[in-house]
């Protein structure tokens, strides 16, 4: 694949290492993400949306079997949220509002099936950034791989903040 961001793209010369020509493609899948020649993320987001919608079926089945909400939320976090957040730090800034809306609709559908409010795509992205940045003041609030740590506070400011929102989605009330 040749990435050329010029307005008037010049056709590239064929690459032939060891006398065997390499075919060029418009897009390819790398570690589950679809990367296109023009670095647009619509195909990648369509792929993510399709995978997440397929897993909504299983979420509905778990609800039908009357599993506790906490177990269904854990399933959502492990199976659906991991798909929605795959490479989110790479494509989120370049995604269009329409594409972000498509992903947000999947999250809202999952929330309706489960019966609780789930964190938005933007909140999930922010949480991933906090986990990755050890200098962030909220970094220590995240336990390794288990969501947020509980901290004792005298007021409800913490529970009404971003951190409380993420915690409430982990264990619904």
N, C-alpha and C. Protein backbone atom coordinates (compact mmCIF):
# COMPACT_ATOMS: atom_id res chain seq x y z
N UNK A 1 0.84 -1.17 0.00
CA UNK A 1 0.00 0.00 0.00
C UNK A 1 0.89 1.23 0.00
N UNK A 2 0.56 2.18 -0.82
CA UNK A 2 1.30 3.43 -0.89
C UNK A 2 0.41 4.52 -0.33
N UNK A 3 0.90 5.23 0.68
CA UNK A 3 0.15 6.33 1.27
C UNK A 3 0.65 7.61 0.64
N UNK A 4 -0.24 8.28 -0.08
CA UNK A 4 0.12 9.52 -0.76
C UNK A 4 -0.98 10.53 -0.45
N UNK A 5 -0.66 11.58 0.28
CA UNK A 5 -1.66 12.54 0.71
C UNK A 5 -1.66 13.82 -0.14
N UNK A 6 -0.97 13.81 -1.27
CA UNK A 6 -0.97 14.97 -2.16
C UNK A 6 -2.32 15.09 -2.84
N UNK A 7 -2.73 16.32 -3.13
CA UNK A 7 -4.01 16.52 -3.81
C UNK A 7 -3.98 15.94 -5.21
N UNK A 8 -2.88 16.13 -5.92
CA UNK A 8 -2.72 15.55 -7.26
C UNK A 8 -1.74 14.39 -7.14
N UNK A 9 -2.27 13.24 -6.79
CA UNK A 9 -1.43 12.07 -6.56
C UNK A 9 -0.78 11.60 -7.86
N UNK A 10 0.49 11.33 -7.79
CA UNK A 10 1.24 10.82 -8.94
C UNK A 10 1.28 9.30 -8.81
N UNK A 11 0.94 8.58 -9.87
CA UNK A 11 1.01 7.12 -9.79
C UNK A 11 2.43 6.67 -9.46
N UNK A 12 2.53 5.80 -8.47
CA UNK A 12 3.86 5.33 -8.07
C UNK A 12 4.36 4.25 -9.02
N UNK A 13 5.67 4.17 -9.11
CA UNK A 13 6.27 3.14 -9.96
C UNK A 13 6.16 1.80 -9.24
N UNK A 14 5.99 0.73 -9.99
CA UNK A 14 5.86 -0.59 -9.35
C UNK A 14 7.14 -0.99 -8.62
N UNK A 15 6.94 -1.61 -7.48
CA UNK A 15 8.06 -2.07 -6.66
C UNK A 15 8.33 -3.53 -7.01
N UNK A 16 9.59 -3.82 -7.36
CA UNK A 16 9.93 -5.19 -7.75
C UNK A 16 11.20 -5.64 -7.03
N UNK A 17 11.08 -6.08 -5.78
CA UNK A 17 12.26 -6.64 -5.11
C UNK A 17 12.52 -8.06 -5.60
N UNK A 18 13.75 -8.37 -5.89
CA UNK A 18 14.16 -9.71 -6.35
C UNK A 18 13.37 -10.14 -7.59
N UNK A 19 13.11 -9.24 -8.48
CA UNK A 19 12.43 -9.50 -9.75
C UNK A 19 11.03 -10.08 -9.61
N UNK A 20 10.37 -9.85 -8.50
CA UNK A 20 8.96 -10.27 -8.38
C UNK A 20 8.16 -9.03 -7.98
N UNK A 21 7.22 -8.62 -8.82
CA UNK A 21 6.47 -7.38 -8.55
C UNK A 21 5.56 -7.51 -7.32
N UNK A 22 5.46 -6.41 -6.58
CA UNK A 22 4.58 -6.35 -5.41
C UNK A 22 3.30 -5.64 -5.84
N UNK A 23 2.18 -6.26 -5.54
CA UNK A 23 0.91 -5.64 -5.91
C UNK A 23 0.54 -4.60 -4.85
N UNK A 24 -0.03 -3.52 -5.29
CA UNK A 24 -0.46 -2.48 -4.36
C UNK A 24 -1.95 -2.65 -4.09
N UNK A 25 -2.36 -2.30 -2.88
CA UNK A 25 -3.76 -2.43 -2.46
C UNK A 25 -4.24 -1.08 -1.92
N UNK A 26 -5.55 -0.90 -1.90
CA UNK A 26 -6.13 0.33 -1.37
C UNK A 26 -6.26 0.31 0.14
N UNK A 27 -6.41 -0.89 0.72
CA UNK A 27 -6.53 -1.02 2.17
C UNK A 27 -6.05 -2.40 2.59
N UNK A 28 -5.70 -2.50 3.88
CA UNK A 28 -5.35 -3.80 4.42
C UNK A 28 -5.68 -3.83 5.91
N UNK A 29 -5.81 -5.03 6.43
CA UNK A 29 -6.16 -5.23 7.83
C UNK A 29 -4.88 -5.55 8.61
N UNK A 30 -4.59 -4.74 9.61
CA UNK A 30 -3.39 -4.92 10.43
C UNK A 30 -3.82 -5.02 11.89
N UNK A 31 -3.64 -6.17 12.50
CA UNK A 31 -4.02 -6.43 13.89
C UNK A 31 -5.48 -6.07 14.17
N UNK A 32 -6.35 -6.36 13.22
CA UNK A 32 -7.77 -6.12 13.40
C UNK A 32 -8.26 -4.75 12.98
N UNK A 33 -7.36 -3.84 12.62
CA UNK A 33 -7.77 -2.51 12.16
C UNK A 33 -7.56 -2.39 10.67
N UNK A 34 -8.52 -1.77 10.01
CA UNK A 34 -8.44 -1.59 8.56
C UNK A 34 -7.80 -0.24 8.29
N UNK A 35 -6.67 -0.26 7.61
CA UNK A 35 -5.94 0.95 7.27
C UNK A 35 -6.08 1.16 5.77
N UNK A 36 -6.52 2.35 5.38
CA UNK A 36 -6.72 2.64 3.96
C UNK A 36 -5.61 3.51 3.42
N UNK A 37 -5.53 3.57 2.12
CA UNK A 37 -4.49 4.31 1.42
C UNK A 37 -4.54 5.80 1.72
N UNK A 38 -5.75 6.34 1.88
CA UNK A 38 -5.88 7.77 2.15
C UNK A 38 -5.97 8.09 3.65
N UNK A 39 -5.74 7.09 4.49
CA UNK A 39 -5.76 7.19 5.95
C UNK A 39 -7.11 7.71 6.48
N UNK A 40 -8.18 7.34 5.80
CA UNK A 40 -9.53 7.59 6.29
C UNK A 40 -9.92 6.37 7.12
N UNK A 41 -10.77 6.56 8.12
CA UNK A 41 -11.07 5.48 9.05
C UNK A 41 -12.49 4.94 8.92
N UNK A 42 -13.19 5.30 7.84
CA UNK A 42 -14.56 4.85 7.68
C UNK A 42 -14.67 3.33 7.57
N UNK A 43 -13.79 2.69 6.81
CA UNK A 43 -13.82 1.22 6.69
C UNK A 43 -13.52 0.56 8.02
N UNK A 44 -12.58 1.10 8.78
CA UNK A 44 -12.24 0.54 10.08
C UNK A 44 -13.44 0.65 11.03
N UNK A 45 -14.08 1.80 11.05
CA UNK A 45 -15.22 1.99 11.95
C UNK A 45 -16.40 1.14 11.51
N UNK A 46 -16.58 0.95 10.21
CA UNK A 46 -17.64 0.05 9.73
C UNK A 46 -17.37 -1.38 10.19
N UNK A 47 -16.13 -1.79 10.15
CA UNK A 47 -15.74 -3.12 10.61
C UNK A 47 -15.99 -3.27 12.11
N UNK A 48 -15.62 -2.26 12.89
CA UNK A 48 -15.82 -2.30 14.33
C UNK A 48 -17.32 -2.33 14.65
N UNK A 49 -18.09 -1.51 13.97
CA UNK A 49 -19.54 -1.45 14.20
C UNK A 49 -20.18 -2.80 13.90
N UNK A 50 -19.77 -3.41 12.80
CA UNK A 50 -20.34 -4.71 12.42
C UNK A 50 -20.02 -5.78 13.47
N UNK A 51 -18.77 -5.81 13.94
CA UNK A 51 -18.40 -6.78 14.97
C UNK A 51 -19.19 -6.56 16.26
N UNK A 52 -19.33 -5.30 16.66
CA UNK A 52 -20.04 -4.98 17.90
C UNK A 52 -21.52 -5.33 17.79
N UNK A 53 -22.13 -5.06 16.63
CA UNK A 53 -23.55 -5.38 16.44
C UNK A 53 -23.78 -6.89 16.47
N UNK A 54 -22.82 -7.66 15.98
CA UNK A 54 -22.95 -9.12 16.04
C UNK A 54 -22.93 -9.60 17.48
N UNK A 55 -22.18 -8.94 18.33
CA UNK A 55 -22.11 -9.34 19.74
C UNK A 55 -23.32 -8.86 20.54
N UNK A 56 -24.07 -7.89 20.02
CA UNK A 56 -25.31 -7.47 20.67
C UNK A 56 -26.29 -8.63 20.78
N UNK A 57 -26.27 -9.51 19.81
CA UNK A 57 -27.14 -10.69 19.83
C UNK A 57 -26.87 -11.51 21.09
N UNK A 58 -25.59 -11.75 21.39
CA UNK A 58 -25.23 -12.54 22.56
C UNK A 58 -25.56 -11.81 23.86
N UNK A 59 -25.45 -10.51 23.84
CA UNK A 59 -25.82 -9.70 25.00
C UNK A 59 -27.32 -9.88 25.29
N UNK A 60 -28.12 -9.88 24.23
CA UNK A 60 -29.56 -10.10 24.38
C UNK A 60 -29.87 -11.49 24.91
N UNK A 61 -29.13 -12.48 24.46
CA UNK A 61 -29.34 -13.85 24.95
C UNK A 61 -29.03 -13.95 26.45
N UNK A 62 -27.94 -13.29 26.88
CA UNK A 62 -27.61 -13.30 28.31
C UNK A 62 -28.71 -12.64 29.13
N UNK A 63 -29.28 -11.56 28.62
CA UNK A 63 -30.38 -10.88 29.30
C UNK A 63 -31.60 -11.79 29.35
N UNK A 64 -31.85 -12.51 28.27
CA UNK A 64 -33.00 -13.41 28.19
C UNK A 64 -32.88 -14.55 29.21
N UNK A 65 -31.65 -14.97 29.49
CA UNK A 65 -31.42 -16.05 30.46
C UNK A 65 -31.42 -15.54 31.90
N UNK A 66 -31.78 -14.26 32.09
CA UNK A 66 -31.90 -13.64 33.42
C UNK A 66 -30.60 -13.67 34.22
N UNK A 67 -29.48 -13.43 33.56
CA UNK A 67 -28.22 -13.31 34.28
C UNK A 67 -28.19 -11.98 35.04
N UNK A 68 -27.46 -11.90 36.13
CA UNK A 68 -27.37 -10.63 36.86
C UNK A 68 -26.72 -9.55 35.98
N UNK A 69 -27.13 -8.30 36.25
CA UNK A 69 -26.61 -7.18 35.45
C UNK A 69 -25.09 -7.10 35.51
N UNK A 70 -24.52 -7.39 36.67
CA UNK A 70 -23.05 -7.29 36.78
C UNK A 70 -22.36 -8.24 35.82
N UNK A 71 -22.89 -9.44 35.65
CA UNK A 71 -22.28 -10.39 34.73
C UNK A 71 -22.44 -9.93 33.28
N UNK A 72 -23.60 -9.36 32.96
CA UNK A 72 -23.82 -8.88 31.60
C UNK A 72 -22.91 -7.69 31.31
N UNK A 73 -22.72 -6.81 32.29
CA UNK A 73 -21.82 -5.67 32.11
C UNK A 73 -20.39 -6.16 31.94
N UNK A 74 -20.00 -7.18 32.67
CA UNK A 74 -18.65 -7.75 32.50
C UNK A 74 -18.49 -8.33 31.10
N UNK A 75 -19.54 -9.00 30.60
CA UNK A 75 -19.50 -9.51 29.23
C UNK A 75 -19.34 -8.36 28.25
N UNK A 76 -20.13 -7.30 28.44
CA UNK A 76 -20.04 -6.13 27.56
C UNK A 76 -18.62 -5.56 27.58
N UNK A 77 -18.06 -5.40 28.77
CA UNK A 77 -16.73 -4.81 28.89
C UNK A 77 -15.67 -5.68 28.20
N UNK A 78 -15.77 -6.97 28.41
CA UNK A 78 -14.76 -7.87 27.85
C UNK A 78 -14.92 -8.08 26.35
N UNK A 79 -16.13 -8.25 25.90
CA UNK A 79 -16.35 -8.65 24.52
C UNK A 79 -16.65 -7.47 23.59
N UNK A 80 -17.49 -6.55 24.01
CA UNK A 80 -17.89 -5.46 23.11
C UNK A 80 -17.00 -4.23 23.26
N UNK A 81 -16.75 -3.81 24.50
CA UNK A 81 -15.97 -2.60 24.71
C UNK A 81 -14.54 -2.76 24.20
N UNK A 82 -14.01 -3.95 24.31
CA UNK A 82 -12.65 -4.19 23.79
C UNK A 82 -12.61 -4.02 22.28
N UNK A 83 -13.68 -4.37 21.58
CA UNK A 83 -13.75 -4.17 20.14
C UNK A 83 -13.89 -2.68 19.82
N UNK A 84 -14.79 -2.01 20.55
CA UNK A 84 -15.03 -0.60 20.29
C UNK A 84 -13.79 0.25 20.54
N UNK A 85 -12.95 -0.17 21.45
CA UNK A 85 -11.78 0.63 21.82
C UNK A 85 -10.49 0.15 21.16
N UNK A 86 -10.57 -0.80 20.26
CA UNK A 86 -9.34 -1.28 19.64
C UNK A 86 -8.74 -0.17 18.78
N UNK A 87 -7.52 0.20 19.07
CA UNK A 87 -6.77 1.26 18.37
C UNK A 87 -7.49 2.61 18.42
N UNK A 88 -8.28 2.84 19.47
CA UNK A 88 -9.06 4.08 19.56
C UNK A 88 -8.17 5.31 19.58
N UNK A 89 -6.99 5.21 20.15
CA UNK A 89 -6.10 6.37 20.20
C UNK A 89 -5.58 6.73 18.82
N UNK A 90 -5.61 5.80 17.89
CA UNK A 90 -5.14 6.07 16.53
C UNK A 90 -6.22 6.72 15.69
N UNK A 91 -7.42 6.17 15.70
CA UNK A 91 -8.45 6.62 14.76
C UNK A 91 -9.44 7.62 15.31
N UNK A 92 -9.55 7.77 16.64
CA UNK A 92 -10.62 8.60 17.21
C UNK A 92 -10.55 10.06 16.75
N UNK A 93 -9.37 10.65 16.75
CA UNK A 93 -9.24 12.07 16.39
C UNK A 93 -9.60 12.32 14.92
N UNK A 94 -9.36 11.34 14.06
CA UNK A 94 -9.62 11.53 12.63
C UNK A 94 -11.00 11.04 12.20
N UNK A 95 -11.75 10.43 13.11
CA UNK A 95 -13.07 9.91 12.76
C UNK A 95 -14.06 11.05 12.61
N UNK A 96 -14.99 10.88 11.69
CA UNK A 96 -16.01 11.90 11.47
C UNK A 96 -17.09 11.79 12.55
N UNK A 97 -17.87 12.83 12.70
CA UNK A 97 -18.96 12.83 13.67
C UNK A 97 -19.98 11.73 13.33
N UNK A 98 -20.19 11.50 12.05
CA UNK A 98 -21.11 10.46 11.61
C UNK A 98 -20.63 9.08 12.07
N UNK A 99 -19.33 8.81 11.90
CA UNK A 99 -18.78 7.52 12.32
C UNK A 99 -18.82 7.35 13.82
N UNK A 100 -18.49 8.42 14.56
CA UNK A 100 -18.56 8.35 16.02
C UNK A 100 -20.01 8.12 16.47
N UNK A 101 -20.94 8.72 15.75
CA UNK A 101 -22.36 8.52 16.06
C UNK A 101 -22.81 7.09 15.86
N UNK A 102 -22.30 6.46 14.80
CA UNK A 102 -22.63 5.05 14.55
C UNK A 102 -22.15 4.17 15.69
N UNK A 103 -20.94 4.43 16.18
CA UNK A 103 -20.41 3.65 17.30
C UNK A 103 -21.19 3.94 18.59
N UNK A 104 -21.55 5.20 18.78
CA UNK A 104 -22.29 5.57 19.98
C UNK A 104 -23.67 4.93 20.00
N UNK A 105 -24.29 4.75 18.82
CA UNK A 105 -25.58 4.06 18.75
C UNK A 105 -25.47 2.62 19.21
N UNK A 106 -24.36 1.96 18.88
CA UNK A 106 -24.15 0.58 19.34
C UNK A 106 -24.04 0.56 20.86
N UNK A 107 -23.33 1.53 21.42
CA UNK A 107 -23.17 1.59 22.88
C UNK A 107 -24.53 1.83 23.54
N UNK A 108 -25.33 2.75 22.98
CA UNK A 108 -26.66 3.01 23.54
C UNK A 108 -27.55 1.77 23.44
N UNK A 109 -27.45 1.03 22.33
CA UNK A 109 -28.23 -0.20 22.18
C UNK A 109 -27.84 -1.22 23.23
N UNK A 110 -26.56 -1.34 23.48
CA UNK A 110 -26.09 -2.27 24.51
C UNK A 110 -26.58 -1.83 25.88
N UNK A 111 -26.58 -0.53 26.14
CA UNK A 111 -27.08 -0.02 27.41
C UNK A 111 -28.56 -0.30 27.59
N UNK A 112 -29.35 -0.19 26.52
CA UNK A 112 -30.78 -0.50 26.61
C UNK A 112 -30.99 -1.99 26.87
N UNK A 113 -30.19 -2.84 26.23
CA UNK A 113 -30.32 -4.29 26.44
C UNK A 113 -29.99 -4.63 27.89
N UNK A 114 -28.89 -4.07 28.39
CA UNK A 114 -28.46 -4.36 29.76
C UNK A 114 -29.40 -3.72 30.77
N UNK A 115 -29.83 -2.49 30.48
CA UNK A 115 -30.69 -1.77 31.41
C UNK A 115 -29.92 -0.82 32.30
N UNK A 116 -28.78 -0.31 31.82
CA UNK A 116 -28.01 0.67 32.58
C UNK A 116 -27.31 1.62 31.60
N UNK A 117 -26.84 2.74 32.13
CA UNK A 117 -26.10 3.69 31.30
C UNK A 117 -24.66 3.24 31.19
N UNK A 118 -24.15 3.20 29.97
CA UNK A 118 -22.76 2.82 29.73
C UNK A 118 -21.98 4.08 29.36
N UNK A 119 -20.68 4.10 29.65
CA UNK A 119 -19.89 5.29 29.31
C UNK A 119 -19.83 5.49 27.80
N UNK A 120 -19.82 6.76 27.39
CA UNK A 120 -19.78 7.08 25.97
C UNK A 120 -18.42 6.74 25.38
N UNK A 121 -18.35 6.78 24.08
CA UNK A 121 -17.10 6.49 23.38
C UNK A 121 -16.01 7.48 23.77
N UNK A 122 -16.38 8.74 23.93
CA UNK A 122 -15.42 9.76 24.32
C UNK A 122 -14.89 9.50 25.72
N UNK A 123 -15.75 9.06 26.64
CA UNK A 123 -15.31 8.75 28.00
C UNK A 123 -14.38 7.55 28.00
N UNK A 124 -14.66 6.55 27.17
CA UNK A 124 -13.80 5.38 27.08
C UNK A 124 -12.42 5.77 26.56
N UNK A 125 -12.40 6.66 25.57
CA UNK A 125 -11.13 7.12 25.02
C UNK A 125 -10.33 7.84 26.10
N UNK A 126 -11.01 8.70 26.86
CA UNK A 126 -10.33 9.45 27.90
C UNK A 126 -9.78 8.50 28.97
N UNK A 127 -10.52 7.46 29.31
CA UNK A 127 -10.06 6.50 30.30
C UNK A 127 -8.80 5.78 29.81
N UNK A 128 -8.76 5.41 28.54
CA UNK A 128 -7.58 4.74 27.98
C UNK A 128 -6.36 5.66 28.04
N UNK A 129 -6.59 6.96 27.77
CA UNK A 129 -5.47 7.90 27.81
C UNK A 129 -4.94 8.05 29.23
N UNK A 130 -5.83 8.06 30.22
CA UNK A 130 -5.40 8.18 31.61
C UNK A 130 -4.60 6.96 32.03
N UNK A 131 -5.04 5.80 31.64
CA UNK A 131 -4.32 4.57 31.99
C UNK A 131 -2.92 4.57 31.37
N UNK A 132 -2.80 5.08 30.14
CA UNK A 132 -1.52 5.06 29.44
C UNK A 132 -0.55 6.13 29.96
N UNK A 133 -1.06 7.21 30.54
CA UNK A 133 -0.22 8.31 30.98
C UNK A 133 0.03 8.22 32.48
N UNK A 134 1.20 7.74 32.86
CA UNK A 134 1.50 7.57 34.29
C UNK A 134 1.67 8.90 35.03
N UNK A 135 1.84 10.01 34.29
CA UNK A 135 1.97 11.30 34.95
C UNK A 135 0.62 11.96 35.19
N UNK A 136 -0.46 11.38 34.67
CA UNK A 136 -1.79 11.96 34.86
C UNK A 136 -2.21 11.81 36.33
N UNK A 137 -2.83 12.84 36.93
CA UNK A 137 -3.22 12.75 38.34
C UNK A 137 -4.20 11.62 38.64
N UNK A 138 -5.01 11.24 37.65
CA UNK A 138 -5.98 10.17 37.87
C UNK A 138 -5.45 8.78 37.56
N UNK A 139 -4.20 8.67 37.15
CA UNK A 139 -3.63 7.38 36.76
C UNK A 139 -3.68 6.37 37.91
N UNK A 140 -3.40 6.80 39.11
CA UNK A 140 -3.36 5.88 40.26
C UNK A 140 -4.75 5.42 40.69
N UNK A 141 -5.79 6.09 40.20
CA UNK A 141 -7.15 5.67 40.54
C UNK A 141 -7.55 4.40 39.80
N UNK A 142 -6.86 4.09 38.70
CA UNK A 142 -7.18 2.90 37.94
C UNK A 142 -6.37 1.73 38.48
N UNK A 143 -7.06 0.65 38.80
CA UNK A 143 -6.36 -0.58 39.17
C UNK A 143 -5.95 -1.28 37.89
N UNK A 144 -4.93 -2.08 37.95
CA UNK A 144 -4.45 -2.73 36.74
C UNK A 144 -5.46 -3.74 36.23
N UNK A 145 -6.16 -3.37 35.14
CA UNK A 145 -7.08 -4.27 34.47
C UNK A 145 -8.40 -4.51 35.16
N UNK A 146 -8.71 -3.83 36.26
CA UNK A 146 -9.93 -4.10 36.99
C UNK A 146 -10.87 -2.91 37.09
N UNK A 147 -10.71 -1.93 36.26
CA UNK A 147 -11.55 -0.75 36.36
C UNK A 147 -10.95 0.23 37.34
N UNK A 148 -11.79 0.95 38.04
CA UNK A 148 -11.31 1.97 38.96
C UNK A 148 -11.21 1.46 40.39
N UNK A 149 -10.25 1.99 41.12
CA UNK A 149 -10.16 1.71 42.54
C UNK A 149 -11.20 2.54 43.26
N UNK A 150 -11.70 2.03 44.35
CA UNK A 150 -12.63 2.81 45.17
C UNK A 150 -11.81 3.67 46.11
N UNK A 151 -12.19 4.91 46.20
CA UNK A 151 -11.54 5.77 47.18
C UNK A 151 -12.62 6.38 48.05
N UNK A 152 -12.27 6.65 49.30
CA UNK A 152 -13.22 7.22 50.23
C UNK A 152 -13.15 8.74 50.15
N UNK A 153 -14.31 9.33 50.04
CA UNK A 153 -14.39 10.79 50.01
C UNK A 153 -15.51 11.23 50.93
N UNK A 154 -15.40 12.45 51.42
CA UNK A 154 -16.42 12.99 52.31
C UNK A 154 -17.59 13.57 51.52
N UNK A 155 -17.37 13.92 50.28
CA UNK A 155 -18.43 14.50 49.45
C UNK A 155 -18.74 13.56 48.30
N UNK A 156 -19.75 13.93 47.51
CA UNK A 156 -20.12 13.10 46.36
C UNK A 156 -19.50 13.61 45.07
N UNK A 157 -18.55 14.55 45.17
CA UNK A 157 -17.94 15.09 43.96
C UNK A 157 -17.27 14.01 43.12
N UNK A 158 -16.60 13.09 43.79
CA UNK A 158 -15.90 12.02 43.06
C UNK A 158 -16.89 11.12 42.32
N UNK A 159 -17.97 10.76 42.97
CA UNK A 159 -18.93 9.86 42.31
C UNK A 159 -19.67 10.55 41.17
N UNK A 160 -19.77 11.87 41.21
CA UNK A 160 -20.42 12.60 40.14
C UNK A 160 -19.46 12.97 39.01
N UNK A 161 -18.19 12.66 39.16
CA UNK A 161 -17.18 13.03 38.16
C UNK A 161 -17.08 11.95 37.09
N UNK A 162 -16.14 12.16 36.20
CA UNK A 162 -15.84 11.19 35.14
C UNK A 162 -15.52 9.83 35.73
N UNK A 163 -14.75 9.80 36.83
CA UNK A 163 -14.34 8.54 37.44
C UNK A 163 -15.54 7.79 38.00
N UNK A 164 -16.46 8.52 38.57
CA UNK A 164 -17.68 7.89 39.08
C UNK A 164 -18.53 7.33 37.96
N UNK A 165 -18.57 8.03 36.84
CA UNK A 165 -19.33 7.56 35.67
C UNK A 165 -18.78 6.22 35.19
N UNK A 166 -17.48 6.12 35.08
CA UNK A 166 -16.87 4.87 34.62
C UNK A 166 -17.13 3.76 35.65
N UNK A 167 -17.00 4.08 36.93
CA UNK A 167 -17.25 3.08 37.97
C UNK A 167 -18.70 2.60 37.96
N UNK A 168 -19.66 3.51 37.77
CA UNK A 168 -21.06 3.12 37.77
C UNK A 168 -21.39 2.22 36.59
N UNK A 169 -20.65 2.35 35.50
CA UNK A 169 -20.88 1.47 34.35
C UNK A 169 -20.30 0.09 34.60
N UNK A 170 -19.28 0.02 35.44
CA UNK A 170 -18.67 -1.28 35.74
C UNK A 170 -19.64 -2.13 36.56
N UNK A 171 -20.28 -1.54 37.56
CA UNK A 171 -21.22 -2.27 38.43
C UNK A 171 -22.52 -1.47 38.45
N UNK A 172 -23.52 -1.85 37.68
CA UNK A 172 -24.76 -1.07 37.62
C UNK A 172 -25.52 -1.12 38.94
N UNK A 173 -26.29 -0.06 39.19
CA UNK A 173 -27.09 0.03 40.42
C UNK A 173 -28.45 -0.54 40.18
